[in-house]
Amino acid sequence: MHCNNEFWRWSDIRKNYTFVPASRASRRRWVRKQNFPAPHYITPNSPVWLESEVRDWFANRPRNHKRAVELSRLNRAASEEEI
């Protein structure tokens, strides 16, 4: 399924990207509003993320506020069309 890919806990992500928020609410918001990769669960209370998905997300995220706002509007419009 996911050959040669490592699973990261949130603490592993925070070690590699120090500006990542600590709270669960912020994690959920990132997944919901900023297209951060959704977690995989190894047990009901143990979310993990694929390292490659996390690295890809950070590599491809907007680099400035104007682009981030633009993408947010596009995502919101797309989700409203689905309804």
C-alpha atoms as a PDB file:
ATOM      1  CA  MET A   1       0.000   0.000   0.000  1.00  0.00           C
ATOM      2  CA  HIS A   2       2.409   2.733   1.165  1.00  0.00           C
ATOM      3  CA  CYS A   3       5.810   1.231   0.450  1.00  0.00           C
ATOM      4  CA  ASN A   4       8.922   2.958   1.763  1.00  0.00           C
ATOM      5  CA  ASN A   5       6.914   5.590   3.593  1.00  0.00           C
ATOM      6  CA  GLU A   6       7.188   6.472   7.226  1.00  0.00           C
ATOM      7  CA  PHE A   7       4.325   7.402   9.521  1.00  0.00           C
ATOM      8  CA  TRP A   8       4.744  10.517  11.640  1.00  0.00           C
ATOM      9  CA  ARG A   9       2.980  11.405  14.855  1.00  0.00           C
ATOM     10  CA  TRP A  10       2.127  15.064  15.398  1.00  0.00           C
ATOM     11  CA  SER A  11       5.187  15.387  17.649  1.00  0.00           C
ATOM     12  CA  ASP A  12       7.389  14.223  14.737  1.00  0.00           C
ATOM     13  CA  ILE A  13       5.845  16.847  12.476  1.00  0.00           C
ATOM     14  CA  ARG A  14       6.474  19.521  15.114  1.00  0.00           C
ATOM     15  CA  LYS A  15      10.142  18.459  15.387  1.00  0.00           C
ATOM     16  CA  ASN A  16      10.623  18.997  11.652  1.00  0.00           C
ATOM     17  CA  TYR A  17       8.429  22.098  11.305  1.00  0.00           C
ATOM     18  CA  THR A  18       8.706  24.185  14.461  1.00  0.00           C
ATOM     19  CA  PHE A  19       5.927  26.646  13.592  1.00  0.00           C
ATOM     20  CA  VAL A  20       3.250  23.918  13.534  1.00  0.00           C
ATOM     21  CA  PRO A  21       0.492  24.463  16.118  1.00  0.00           C
ATOM     22  CA  ALA A  22       0.185  22.145  19.089  1.00  0.00           C
ATOM     23  CA  SER A  23      -3.572  21.997  19.653  1.00  0.00           C
ATOM     24  CA  ARG A  24      -5.967  19.392  18.281  1.00  0.00           C
ATOM     25  CA  ALA A  25      -8.357  22.116  17.199  1.00  0.00           C
ATOM     26  CA  SER A  26      -5.654  23.716  15.062  1.00  0.00           C
ATOM     27  CA  ARG A  27      -4.812  20.350  13.479  1.00  0.00           C
ATOM     28  CA  ARG A  28      -8.459  19.807  12.557  1.00  0.00           C
ATOM     29  CA  ARG A  29      -8.698  23.323  11.168  1.00  0.00           C
ATOM     30  CA  TRP A  30      -5.595  22.754   9.014  1.00  0.00           C
ATOM     31  CA  VAL A  31      -7.135  19.581   7.587  1.00  0.00           C
ATOM     32  CA  ARG A  32     -10.533  21.203   7.019  1.00  0.00           C
ATOM     33  CA  LYS A  33      -9.540  24.651   5.759  1.00  0.00           C
ATOM     34  CA  GLN A  34      -5.957  24.459   4.554  1.00  0.00           C
ATOM     35  CA  ASN A  35      -5.986  21.038   2.875  1.00  0.00           C
ATOM     36  CA  PHE A  36      -3.444  19.556   5.270  1.00  0.00           C
ATOM     37  CA  PRO A  37      -3.362  15.756   4.787  1.00  0.00           C
ATOM     38  CA  ALA A  38      -5.971  13.914   6.809  1.00  0.00           C
ATOM     39  CA  PRO A  39      -4.583  11.612   9.491  1.00  0.00           C
ATOM     40  CA  HIS A  40      -4.590   7.831   9.370  1.00  0.00           C
ATOM     41  CA  TYR A  41      -5.468   6.142  12.651  1.00  0.00           C
ATOM     42  CA  ILE A  42      -3.401   3.240  13.972  1.00  0.00           C
ATOM     43  CA  THR A  43      -5.814   3.072  16.951  1.00  0.00           C
ATOM     44  CA  PRO A  44      -8.935   5.176  17.630  1.00  0.00           C
ATOM     45  CA  ASN A  45      -6.883   7.755  19.561  1.00  0.00           C
ATOM     46  CA  SER A  46      -3.586   7.595  17.662  1.00  0.00           C
ATOM     47  CA  PRO A  47      -3.520   9.684  14.489  1.00  0.00           C
ATOM     48  CA  VAL A  48      -0.477   9.468  12.234  1.00  0.00           C
ATOM     49  CA  TRP A  49       0.413  11.117   8.941  1.00  0.00           C
ATOM     50  CA  LEU A  50       2.390   9.822   5.992  1.00  0.00           C
ATOM     51  CA  GLU A  51       5.714  11.612   5.897  1.00  0.00           C
ATOM     52  CA  SER A  52       5.563  12.080   2.117  1.00  0.00           C
ATOM     53  CA  GLU A  53       2.100  13.687   2.294  1.00  0.00           C
ATOM     54  CA  VAL A  54       3.248  16.090   5.010  1.00  0.00           C
ATOM     55  CA  ARG A  55       6.435  17.041   3.169  1.00  0.00           C
ATOM     56  CA  ASP A  56       4.493  17.534  -0.094  1.00  0.00           C
ATOM     57  CA  TRP A  57       1.949  19.766   1.656  1.00  0.00           C
ATOM     58  CA  PHE A  58       4.642  21.969   3.176  1.00  0.00           C
ATOM     59  CA  ALA A  59       6.545  22.133  -0.121  1.00  0.00           C
ATOM     60  CA  ASN A  60       3.444  23.201  -2.068  1.00  0.00           C
ATOM     61  CA  ARG A  61       1.663  25.513   0.357  1.00  0.00           C
ATOM     62  CA  PRO A  62       1.246  29.208  -0.476  1.00  0.00           C
ATOM     63  CA  ARG A  63       4.262  31.342   0.339  1.00  0.00           C
ATOM     64  CA  ASN A  64       2.413  34.609   0.900  1.00  0.00           C
ATOM     65  CA  HIS A  65      -0.841  35.813   2.418  1.00  0.00           C
ATOM     66  CA  LYS A  66      -2.361  37.050  -0.845  1.00  0.00           C
ATOM     67  CA  ARG A  67      -2.013  33.619  -2.478  1.00  0.00           C
ATOM     68  CA  ALA A  68      -3.329  31.877   0.640  1.00  0.00           C
ATOM     69  CA  VAL A  69      -6.465  34.058   0.665  1.00  0.00           C
ATOM     70  CA  GLU A  70      -6.965  33.436  -3.045  1.00  0.00           C
ATOM     71  CA  LEU A  71      -6.731  29.650  -2.590  1.00  0.00           C
ATOM     72  CA  SER A  72      -9.069  29.802   0.397  1.00  0.00           C
ATOM     73  CA  ARG A  73     -11.709  31.589  -1.691  1.00  0.00           C
ATOM     74  CA  LEU A  74     -11.349  29.069  -4.498  1.00  0.00           C
ATOM     75  CA  ASN A  75     -11.686  26.139  -2.063  1.00  0.00           C
ATOM     76  CA  ARG A  76     -14.740  27.714  -0.428  1.00  0.00           C
ATOM     77  CA  ALA A  77     -16.391  28.324  -3.806  1.00  0.00           C
ATOM     78  CA  ALA A  78     -15.694  24.734  -4.869  1.00  0.00           C
ATOM     79  CA  SER A  79     -17.170  23.323  -1.664  1.00  0.00           C
ATOM     80  CA  GLU A  80     -20.296  25.508  -2.033  1.00  0.00           C
ATOM     81  CA  GLU A  81     -20.798  24.203  -5.576  1.00  0.00           C
ATOM     82  CA  GLU A  82     -20.788  20.619  -4.260  1.00  0.00           C
ATOM     83  CA  ILE A  83     -23.699  21.355  -1.939  1.00  0.00           C
END
